[in-house]
PDB file of all heavy atoms in Angstrom:
ATOM      1  N   GLY A   1      -1.573  42.868  30.619  1.00  0.00           N
ATOM      2  CA  GLY A   1      -0.150  43.165  30.694  1.00  0.00           C
ATOM      3  C   GLY A   1       0.586  42.513  31.821  1.00  0.00           C
ATOM      4  O   GLY A   1       1.780  42.668  32.021  1.00  0.00           O
ATOM      5  N   LYS A   2      -0.157  41.796  32.664  1.00  0.00           N
ATOM      6  CA  LYS A   2       0.429  41.143  33.855  1.00  0.00           C
ATOM      7  C   LYS A   2       1.223  39.874  33.413  1.00  0.00           C
ATOM      8  O   LYS A   2       0.936  39.262  32.395  1.00  0.00           O
ATOM      9  CB  LYS A   2      -0.693  40.690  34.808  1.00  0.00           C
ATOM     10  CG  LYS A   2      -1.478  41.775  35.499  1.00  0.00           C
ATOM     11  CD  LYS A   2      -2.464  41.195  36.438  1.00  0.00           C
ATOM     12  CE  LYS A   2      -3.310  42.310  37.149  1.00  0.00           C
ATOM     13  NZ  LYS A   2      -4.395  41.739  37.972  1.00  0.00           N
ATOM     14  N   THR A   3       2.202  39.542  34.212  1.00  0.00           N
ATOM     15  CA  THR A   3       2.955  38.356  33.997  1.00  0.00           C
ATOM     16  C   THR A   3       2.651  37.374  35.147  1.00  0.00           C
ATOM     17  O   THR A   3       2.680  37.757  36.305  1.00  0.00           O
ATOM     18  CB  THR A   3       4.484  38.627  33.983  1.00  0.00           C
ATOM     19  OG1 THR A   3       4.764  39.473  32.879  1.00  0.00           O
ATOM     20  CG2 THR A   3       5.268  37.321  33.758  1.00  0.00           C
ATOM     21  N   ILE A   4       2.348  36.129  34.781  1.00  0.00           N
ATOM     22  CA  ILE A   4       1.930  35.189  35.767  1.00  0.00           C
ATOM     23  C   ILE A   4       2.841  33.892  35.676  1.00  0.00           C
ATOM     24  O   ILE A   4       3.344  33.564  34.580  1.00  0.00           O
ATOM     25  CB  ILE A   4       0.497  34.676  35.653  1.00  0.00           C
ATOM     26  CG1 ILE A   4       0.245  34.072  34.270  1.00  0.00           C
ATOM     27  CG2 ILE A   4      -0.462  35.845  35.925  1.00  0.00           C
ATOM     28  CD1 ILE A   4      -1.100  33.351  34.151  1.00  0.00           C
ATOM     29  N   GLY A   5       3.086  33.254  36.831  1.00  0.00           N
ATOM     30  CA  GLY A   5       3.774  32.006  36.815  1.00  0.00           C
ATOM     31  C   GLY A   5       2.735  30.820  36.710  1.00  0.00           C
ATOM     32  O   GLY A   5       1.866  30.824  37.537  1.00  0.00           O
ATOM     33  N   VAL A   6       2.918  30.072  35.710  1.00  0.00           N
ATOM     34  CA  VAL A   6       2.001  28.922  35.471  1.00  0.00           C
ATOM     35  C   VAL A   6       2.594  27.689  36.118  1.00  0.00           C
ATOM     36  O   VAL A   6       3.362  26.946  35.512  1.00  0.00           O
ATOM     37  CB  VAL A   6       1.737  28.721  33.978  1.00  0.00           C
ATOM     38  CG1 VAL A   6       0.613  27.695  33.799  1.00  0.00           C
ATOM     39  CG2 VAL A   6       1.273  30.059  33.373  1.00  0.00           C
ATOM     40  N   ASN A   7       2.206  27.408  37.385  1.00  0.00           N
ATOM     41  CA  ASN A   7       2.831  26.333  38.158  1.00  0.00           C
ATOM     42  C   ASN A   7       1.940  25.099  38.237  1.00  0.00           C
ATOM     43  O   ASN A   7       2.405  24.022  38.632  1.00  0.00           O
ATOM     44  CB  ASN A   7       3.080  26.814  39.614  1.00  0.00           C
ATOM     45  CG  ASN A   7       4.078  28.007  39.625  1.00  0.00           C
ATOM     46  OD1 ASN A   7       5.119  27.941  39.079  1.00  0.00           O
ATOM     47  ND2 ASN A   7       3.631  29.089  40.293  1.00  0.00           N
ATOM     48  N   ASN A   8       0.689  25.187  37.888  1.00  0.00           N
ATOM     49  CA  ASN A   8      -0.230  24.109  38.034  1.00  0.00           C
ATOM     50  C   ASN A   8      -1.141  23.818  36.825  1.00  0.00           C
ATOM     51  O   ASN A   8      -2.332  23.558  36.934  1.00  0.00           O
ATOM     52  CB  ASN A   8      -1.103  24.261  39.259  1.00  0.00           C
ATOM     53  CG  ASN A   8      -1.819  25.632  39.253  1.00  0.00           C
ATOM     54  OD1 ASN A   8      -1.568  26.462  38.373  1.00  0.00           O
ATOM     55  ND2 ASN A   8      -2.728  25.811  40.175  1.00  0.00           N
ATOM     56  N   ALA A   9      -0.523  23.930  35.588  1.00  0.00           N
ATOM     57  CA  ALA A   9      -1.237  23.662  34.386  1.00  0.00           C
ATOM     58  C   ALA A   9      -1.647  22.232  34.315  1.00  0.00           C
ATOM     59  O   ALA A   9      -0.965  21.372  34.836  1.00  0.00           O
ATOM     60  CB  ALA A   9      -0.388  24.044  33.159  1.00  0.00           C
ATOM     61  N   ILE A  10      -2.817  21.965  33.717  1.00  0.00           N
ATOM     62  CA  ILE A  10      -3.329  20.595  33.725  1.00  0.00           C
ATOM     63  C   ILE A  10      -3.714  20.182  32.256  1.00  0.00           C
ATOM     64  O   ILE A  10      -3.879  21.032  31.395  1.00  0.00           O
ATOM     65  CB  ILE A  10      -4.503  20.464  34.620  1.00  0.00           C
ATOM     66  CG1 ILE A  10      -5.616  21.535  34.292  1.00  0.00           C
ATOM     67  CG2 ILE A  10      -4.168  20.462  36.039  1.00  0.00           C
ATOM     68  CD1 ILE A  10      -6.857  21.505  35.147  1.00  0.00           C
ATOM     69  N   MET A  11      -3.766  18.867  32.047  1.00  0.00           N
ATOM     70  CA  MET A  11      -4.290  18.319  30.845  1.00  0.00           C
ATOM     71  C   MET A  11      -5.519  17.468  31.210  1.00  0.00           C
ATOM     72  O   MET A  11      -5.647  16.995  32.324  1.00  0.00           O
ATOM     73  CB  MET A  11      -3.276  17.411  30.084  1.00  0.00           C
ATOM     74  CG  MET A  11      -2.440  18.235  29.112  1.00  0.00           C
ATOM     75  SD  MET A  11      -1.563  17.139  27.992  1.00  0.00           S
ATOM     76  CE  MET A  11      -0.761  18.371  26.913  1.00  0.00           C
ATOM     77  N   PHE A  12      -6.438  17.263  30.208  1.00  0.00           N
ATOM     78  CA  PHE A  12      -7.698  16.632  30.549  1.00  0.00           C
ATOM     79  C   PHE A  12      -7.815  15.289  29.855  1.00  0.00           C
ATOM     80  O   PHE A  12      -7.535  15.149  28.676  1.00  0.00           O
ATOM     81  CB  PHE A  12      -8.862  17.520  30.046  1.00  0.00           C
ATOM     82  CG  PHE A  12      -8.898  18.844  30.692  1.00  0.00           C
ATOM     83  CD1 PHE A  12      -8.147  19.892  30.204  1.00  0.00           C
ATOM     84  CD2 PHE A  12      -9.648  19.088  31.835  1.00  0.00           C
ATOM     85  CE1 PHE A  12      -8.180  21.178  30.826  1.00  0.00           C
ATOM     86  CE2 PHE A  12      -9.699  20.311  32.478  1.00  0.00           C
ATOM     87  CZ  PHE A  12      -8.912  21.346  31.960  1.00  0.00           C
ATOM     88  N   PHE A  13      -8.181  14.283  30.610  1.00  0.00           N
ATOM     89  CA  PHE A  13      -8.439  12.928  30.103  1.00  0.00           C
ATOM     90  C   PHE A  13      -9.848  12.572  30.461  1.00  0.00           C
ATOM     91  O   PHE A  13     -10.121  12.112  31.546  1.00  0.00           O
ATOM     92  CB  PHE A  13      -7.434  11.912  30.649  1.00  0.00           C
ATOM     93  CG  PHE A  13      -6.035  12.261  30.421  1.00  0.00           C
ATOM     94  CD1 PHE A  13      -5.307  13.099  31.259  1.00  0.00           C
ATOM     95  CD2 PHE A  13      -5.395  11.842  29.312  1.00  0.00           C
ATOM     96  CE1 PHE A  13      -4.013  13.440  31.005  1.00  0.00           C
ATOM     97  CE2 PHE A  13      -4.037  12.228  28.968  1.00  0.00           C
ATOM     98  CZ  PHE A  13      -3.354  12.987  29.853  1.00  0.00           C
ATOM     99  N   ALA A  14     -10.780  12.833  29.511  1.00  0.00           N
ATOM    100  CA  ALA A  14     -12.176  12.868  29.807  1.00  0.00           C
ATOM    101  C   ALA A  14     -12.433  13.805  30.977  1.00  0.00           C
ATOM    102  O   ALA A  14     -12.046  14.911  30.988  1.00  0.00           O
ATOM    103  CB  ALA A  14     -12.680  11.402  30.093  1.00  0.00           C
ATOM    104  N   GLN A  15     -13.013  13.304  32.103  1.00  0.00           N
ATOM    105  CA  GLN A  15     -13.275  14.269  33.187  1.00  0.00           C
ATOM    106  C   GLN A  15     -12.086  14.292  34.168  1.00  0.00           C
ATOM    107  O   GLN A  15     -11.997  15.146  35.043  1.00  0.00           O
ATOM    108  CB  GLN A  15     -14.491  13.770  34.102  1.00  0.00           C
ATOM    109  CG  GLN A  15     -15.701  14.647  33.832  1.00  0.00           C
ATOM    110  CD  GLN A  15     -16.881  14.130  34.672  1.00  0.00           C
ATOM    111  OE1 GLN A  15     -17.028  12.890  34.864  1.00  0.00           O
ATOM    112  NE2 GLN A  15     -17.675  15.007  35.146  1.00  0.00           N
ATOM    113  N   ASP A  16     -11.115  13.446  33.971  1.00  0.00           N
ATOM    114  CA  ASP A  16      -9.962  13.393  34.853  1.00  0.00           C
ATOM    115  C   ASP A  16      -8.973  14.438  34.421  1.00  0.00           C
ATOM    116  O   ASP A  16      -8.867  14.764  33.259  1.00  0.00           O
ATOM    117  CB  ASP A  16      -9.351  12.042  34.833  1.00  0.00           C
ATOM    118  CG  ASP A  16     -10.279  10.921  35.262  1.00  0.00           C
ATOM    119  OD1 ASP A  16     -11.142  11.203  36.199  1.00  0.00           O
ATOM    120  OD2 ASP A  16     -10.279   9.816  34.690  1.00  0.00           O
ATOM    121  N   ARG A  17      -8.141  14.926  35.412  1.00  0.00           N
ATOM    122  CA  ARG A  17      -7.125  15.915  35.155  1.00  0.00           C
ATOM    123  C   ARG A  17      -5.823  15.387  35.579  1.00  0.00           C
ATOM    124  O   ARG A  17      -5.719  14.678  36.528  1.00  0.00           O
ATOM    125  CB  ARG A  17      -7.439  17.230  35.905  1.00  0.00           C
ATOM    126  CG  ARG A  17      -8.799  17.713  35.762  1.00  0.00           C
ATOM    127  CD  ARG A  17      -9.008  18.894  36.724  1.00  0.00           C
ATOM    128  NE  ARG A  17     -10.372  19.458  36.704  1.00  0.00           N
ATOM    129  CZ  ARG A  17     -10.713  20.507  37.387  1.00  0.00           C
ATOM    130  NH1 ARG A  17      -9.838  21.110  38.142  1.00  0.00           N
ATOM    131  NH2 ARG A  17     -11.942  20.936  37.291  1.00  0.00           N
ATOM    132  N   GLU A  18      -4.760  15.822  34.922  1.00  0.00           N
ATOM    133  CA  GLU A  18      -3.407  15.468  35.364  1.00  0.00           C
ATOM    134  C   GLU A  18      -2.518  16.678  35.315  1.00  0.00           C
ATOM    135  O   GLU A  18      -2.616  17.463  34.315  1.00  0.00           O
ATOM    136  CB  GLU A  18      -2.815  14.386  34.527  1.00  0.00           C
ATOM    137  CG  GLU A  18      -3.214  12.984  34.826  1.00  0.00           C
ATOM    138  CD  GLU A  18      -2.468  11.912  34.073  1.00  0.00           C
ATOM    139  OE1 GLU A  18      -1.385  12.259  33.478  1.00  0.00           O
ATOM    140  OE2 GLU A  18      -2.917  10.767  34.039  1.00  0.00           O
ATOM    141  N   LEU A  19      -1.722  16.946  36.329  1.00  0.00           N
ATOM    142  CA  LEU A  19      -0.746  18.023  36.341  1.00  0.00           C
ATOM    143  C   LEU A  19       0.273  17.705  35.283  1.00  0.00           C
ATOM    144  O   LEU A  19       0.767  16.643  35.217  1.00  0.00           O
ATOM    145  CB  LEU A  19      -0.120  18.122  37.756  1.00  0.00           C
ATOM    146  CG  LEU A  19       0.332  19.517  38.200  1.00  0.00           C
ATOM    147  CD1 LEU A  19      -0.759  20.510  38.225  1.00  0.00           C
ATOM    148  CD2 LEU A  19       1.047  19.374  39.524  1.00  0.00           C
ATOM    149  N   LEU A  20       0.651  18.703  34.436  1.00  0.00           N
ATOM    150  CA  LEU A  20       1.582  18.403  33.398  1.00  0.00           C
ATOM    151  C   LEU A  20       2.902  19.166  33.679  1.00  0.00           C
ATOM    152  O   LEU A  20       2.954  20.202  34.316  1.00  0.00           O
ATOM    153  CB  LEU A  20       1.019  18.840  32.050  1.00  0.00           C
ATOM    154  CG  LEU A  20       0.723  20.296  31.725  1.00  0.00           C
ATOM    155  CD1 LEU A  20       1.950  20.999  31.214  1.00  0.00           C
ATOM    156  CD2 LEU A  20      -0.386  20.467  30.780  1.00  0.00           C
ATOM    157  N   ASP A  21       3.951  18.534  33.178  1.00  0.00           N
ATOM    158  CA  ASP A  21       5.333  19.086  33.306  1.00  0.00           C
ATOM    159  C   ASP A  21       5.679  19.881  32.135  1.00  0.00           C
ATOM    160  O   ASP A  21       6.372  20.865  32.156  1.00  0.00           O
ATOM    161  CB  ASP A  21       6.329  17.992  33.551  1.00  0.00           C
ATOM    162  CG  ASP A  21       6.186  17.352  34.916  1.00  0.00           C
ATOM    163  OD1 ASP A  21       5.978  18.105  35.873  1.00  0.00           O
ATOM    164  OD2 ASP A  21       6.247  16.120  35.009  1.00  0.00           O
ATOM    165  N   ASP A  22       5.294  19.348  30.883  1.00  0.00           N
ATOM    166  CA  ASP A  22       5.560  20.143  29.674  1.00  0.00           C
ATOM    167  C   ASP A  22       4.464  19.910  28.657  1.00  0.00           C
ATOM    168  O   ASP A  22       3.722  18.897  28.755  1.00  0.00           O
ATOM    169  CB  ASP A  22       6.977  19.776  29.076  1.00  0.00           C
ATOM    170  CG  ASP A  22       7.186  18.300  29.001  1.00  0.00           C
ATOM    171  OD1 ASP A  22       6.229  17.559  28.545  1.00  0.00           O
ATOM    172  OD2 ASP A  22       8.271  17.801  29.464  1.00  0.00           O
ATOM    173  N   ALA A  23       4.415  20.736  27.651  1.00  0.00           N
ATOM    174  CA  ALA A  23       3.392  20.616  26.555  1.00  0.00           C
ATOM    175  C   ALA A  23       3.998  21.345  25.362  1.00  0.00           C
ATOM    176  O   ALA A  23       4.860  22.232  25.493  1.00  0.00           O
ATOM    177  CB  ALA A  23       2.041  21.185  27.005  1.00  0.00           C
ATOM    178  N   TYR A  24       3.436  21.047  24.177  1.00  0.00           N
ATOM    179  CA  TYR A  24       4.005  21.560  22.981  1.00  0.00           C
ATOM    180  C   TYR A  24       2.935  22.199  22.120  1.00  0.00           C
ATOM    181  O   TYR A  24       1.760  22.129  22.396  1.00  0.00           O
ATOM    182  CB  TYR A  24       4.674  20.458  22.138  1.00  0.00           C
ATOM    183  CG  TYR A  24       5.847  19.742  22.842  1.00  0.00           C
ATOM    184  CD1 TYR A  24       5.574  18.775  23.792  1.00  0.00           C
ATOM    185  CD2 TYR A  24       7.140  20.134  22.595  1.00  0.00           C
ATOM    186  CE1 TYR A  24       6.699  18.136  24.467  1.00  0.00           C
ATOM    187  CE2 TYR A  24       8.213  19.533  23.277  1.00  0.00           C
ATOM    188  CZ  TYR A  24       7.943  18.510  24.167  1.00  0.00           C
ATOM    189  OH  TYR A  24       8.998  17.940  24.873  1.00  0.00           O
ATOM    190  N   ALA A  25       3.388  22.932  21.050  1.00  0.00           N
ATOM    191  CA  ALA A  25       2.492  23.567  20.123  1.00  0.00           C
ATOM    192  C   ALA A  25       1.430  22.571  19.644  1.00  0.00           C
ATOM    193  O   ALA A  25       1.774  21.421  19.292  1.00  0.00           O
ATOM    194  CB  ALA A  25       3.251  24.134  18.935  1.00  0.00           C
ATOM    195  N   GLY A  26       0.181  22.954  19.635  1.00  0.00           N
ATOM    196  CA  GLY A  26      -0.926  22.028  19.346  1.00  0.00           C
ATOM    197  C   GLY A  26      -1.635  21.525  20.540  1.00  0.00           C
ATOM    198  O   GLY A  26      -2.803  21.143  20.450  1.00  0.00           O
ATOM    199  N   ASP A  27      -0.908  21.441  21.666  1.00  0.00           N
ATOM    200  CA  ASP A  27      -1.613  20.914  22.927  1.00  0.00           C
ATOM    201  C   ASP A  27      -2.547  21.958  23.448  1.00  0.00           C
ATOM    202  O   ASP A  27      -2.413  23.142  23.275  1.00  0.00           O
ATOM    203  CB  ASP A  27      -0.585  20.631  23.949  1.00  0.00           C
ATOM    204  CG  ASP A  27       0.179  19.284  23.633  1.00  0.00           C
ATOM    205  OD1 ASP A  27      -0.374  18.473  22.868  1.00  0.00           O
ATOM    206  OD2 ASP A  27       1.326  19.055  24.132  1.00  0.00           O
ATOM    207  N   ILE A  28      -3.599  21.455  24.149  1.00  0.00           N
ATOM    208  CA  ILE A  28      -4.541  22.302  24.897  1.00  0.00           C
ATOM    209  C   ILE A  28      -4.279  22.066  26.379  1.00  0.00           C
ATOM    210  O   ILE A  28      -4.388  20.989  26.850  1.00  0.00           O
ATOM    211  CB  ILE A  28      -6.022  21.908  24.568  1.00  0.00           C
ATOM    212  CG1 ILE A  28      -6.246  21.829  23.027  1.00  0.00           C
ATOM    213  CG2 ILE A  28      -6.926  22.960  25.229  1.00  0.00           C
ATOM    214  CD1 ILE A  28      -6.141  23.148  22.307  1.00  0.00           C
ATOM    215  N   ILE A  29      -3.929  23.170  27.056  1.00  0.00           N
ATOM    216  CA  ILE A  29      -3.730  23.059  28.506  1.00  0.00           C
ATOM    217  C   ILE A  29      -4.726  23.892  29.287  1.00  0.00           C
ATOM    218  O   ILE A  29      -5.231  24.891  28.815  1.00  0.00           O
ATOM    219  CB  ILE A  29      -2.281  23.465  28.886  1.00  0.00           C
ATOM    220  CG1 ILE A  29      -2.025  24.900  28.685  1.00  0.00           C
ATOM    221  CG2 ILE A  29      -1.236  22.595  28.128  1.00  0.00           C
ATOM    222  CD1 ILE A  29      -0.682  25.414  29.228  1.00  0.00           C
ATOM    223  N   GLY A  30      -4.972  23.454  30.521  1.00  0.00           N
ATOM    224  CA  GLY A  30      -5.906  24.213  31.400  1.00  0.00           C
ATOM    225  C   GLY A  30      -5.103  24.928  32.411  1.00  0.00           C
ATOM    226  O   GLY A  30      -4.210  24.355  33.028  1.00  0.00           O
ATOM    227  N   ILE A  31      -5.374  26.216  32.533  1.00  0.00           N
ATOM    228  CA  ILE A  31      -4.620  27.045  33.534  1.00  0.00           C
ATOM    229  C   ILE A  31      -5.624  27.547  34.612  1.00  0.00           C
ATOM    230  O   ILE A  31      -6.435  28.343  34.396  1.00  0.00           O
ATOM    231  CB  ILE A  31      -3.938  28.292  32.869  1.00  0.00           C
ATOM    232  CG1 ILE A  31      -3.054  27.823  31.728  1.00  0.00           C
ATOM    233  CG2 ILE A  31      -3.170  29.117  33.906  1.00  0.00           C
ATOM    234  CD1 ILE A  31      -2.448  28.960  30.965  1.00  0.00           C
ATOM    235  N   PRO A  32      -5.532  26.970  35.811  1.00  0.00           N
ATOM    236  CA  PRO A  32      -6.396  27.448  36.915  1.00  0.00           C
ATOM    237  C   PRO A  32      -6.038  28.893  37.246  1.00  0.00           C
ATOM    238  O   PRO A  32      -4.884  29.286  37.309  1.00  0.00           O
ATOM    239  CB  PRO A  32      -6.051  26.509  38.123  1.00  0.00           C
ATOM    240  CG  PRO A  32      -5.410  25.316  37.431  1.00  0.00           C
ATOM    241  CD  PRO A  32      -4.705  25.855  36.246  1.00  0.00           C
ATOM    242  N   ASN A  33      -7.115  29.677  37.512  1.00  0.00           N
ATOM    243  CA  ASN A  33      -6.830  31.148  37.760  1.00  0.00           C
ATOM    244  C   ASN A  33      -8.036  31.646  38.514  1.00  0.00           C
ATOM    245  O   ASN A  33      -9.096  31.003  38.600  1.00  0.00           O
ATOM    246  CB  ASN A  33      -6.506  31.892  36.535  1.00  0.00           C
ATOM    247  CG  ASN A  33      -7.688  32.075  35.604  1.00  0.00           C
ATOM    248  OD1 ASN A  33      -8.357  33.073  35.564  1.00  0.00           O
ATOM    249  ND2 ASN A  33      -7.996  31.030  34.834  1.00  0.00           N
ATOM    250  N   HIS A  34      -7.942  32.923  38.995  1.00  0.00           N
ATOM    251  CA  HIS A  34      -9.029  33.529  39.708  1.00  0.00           C
ATOM    252  C   HIS A  34      -9.631  34.725  38.952  1.00  0.00           C
ATOM    253  O   HIS A  34      -9.793  35.800  39.491  1.00  0.00           O
ATOM    254  CB  HIS A  34      -8.566  33.980  41.109  1.00  0.00           C
ATOM    255  CG  HIS A  34      -8.133  32.783  41.968  1.00  0.00           C
ATOM    256  ND1 HIS A  34      -9.025  31.886  42.514  1.00  0.00           N
ATOM    257  CD2 HIS A  34      -6.946  32.416  42.369  1.00  0.00           C
ATOM    258  CE1 HIS A  34      -8.397  30.941  43.163  1.00  0.00           C
ATOM    259  NE2 HIS A  34      -7.076  31.239  43.114  1.00  0.00           N
ATOM    260  N   GLY A  35      -9.828  34.540  37.658  1.00  0.00           N
ATOM    261  CA  GLY A  35     -10.472  35.593  36.871  1.00  0.00           C
ATOM    262  C   GLY A  35      -9.441  36.468  36.179  1.00  0.00           C
ATOM    263  O   GLY A  35      -9.831  37.581  35.629  1.00  0.00           O
ATOM    264  N   THR A  36      -8.154  36.210  36.290  1.00  0.00           N
ATOM    265  CA  THR A  36      -7.145  37.054  35.649  1.00  0.00           C
ATOM    266  C   THR A  36      -6.958  36.787  34.175  1.00  0.00           C
ATOM    267  O   THR A  36      -6.465  37.605  33.446  1.00  0.00           O
ATOM    268  CB  THR A  36      -5.770  36.838  36.277  1.00  0.00           C
ATOM    269  OG1 THR A  36      -5.431  35.426  36.364  1.00  0.00           O
ATOM    270  CG2 THR A  36      -5.716  37.365  37.758  1.00  0.00           C
ATOM    271  N   ILE A  37      -7.416  35.572  33.743  1.00  0.00           N
ATOM    272  CA  ILE A  37      -7.324  35.197  32.329  1.00  0.00           C
ATOM    273  C   ILE A  37      -8.715  35.106  31.690  1.00  0.00           C
ATOM    274  O   ILE A  37      -9.603  34.517  32.257  1.00  0.00           O
ATOM    275  CB  ILE A  37      -6.572  33.849  32.143  1.00  0.00           C
ATOM    276  CG1 ILE A  37      -5.225  33.872  32.870  1.00  0.00           C
ATOM    277  CG2 ILE A  37      -6.344  33.510  30.711  1.00  0.00           C
ATOM    278  CD1 ILE A  37      -4.485  32.552  32.859  1.00  0.00           C
ATOM    279  N   ARG A  38      -8.846  35.746  30.517  1.00  0.00           N
ATOM    280  CA  ARG A  38     -10.201  35.826  29.886  1.00  0.00           C
ATOM    281  C   ARG A  38     -10.087  35.238  28.441  1.00  0.00           C
ATOM    282  O   ARG A  38      -9.026  35.061  27.847  1.00  0.00           O
ATOM    283  CB  ARG A  38     -10.601  37.288  29.769  1.00  0.00           C
ATOM    284  CG  ARG A  38     -10.621  38.035  31.074  1.00  0.00           C
ATOM    285  CD  ARG A  38     -10.347  39.477  31.019  1.00  0.00           C
ATOM    286  NE  ARG A  38     -10.663  40.077  29.703  1.00  0.00           N
ATOM    287  CZ  ARG A  38     -11.598  40.976  29.598  1.00  0.00           C
ATOM    288  NH1 ARG A  38     -12.443  41.317  30.561  1.00  0.00           N
ATOM    289  NH2 ARG A  38     -11.806  41.525  28.366  1.00  0.00           N
TER     290      ARG A  38
END
C-alpha cells in the first residue's frame, strides 16, 4: 500500500544498464529498491 517515487528506473542492454526517462506498455523496466518491491 506504500507509494514510491521511481527516480532511477533502468533498461537493460545485455549486461549494460541505462537510466530511462520514459517507457511504454510492453516495456520491461528495472526498479532498484531495498526490499520494498516483491
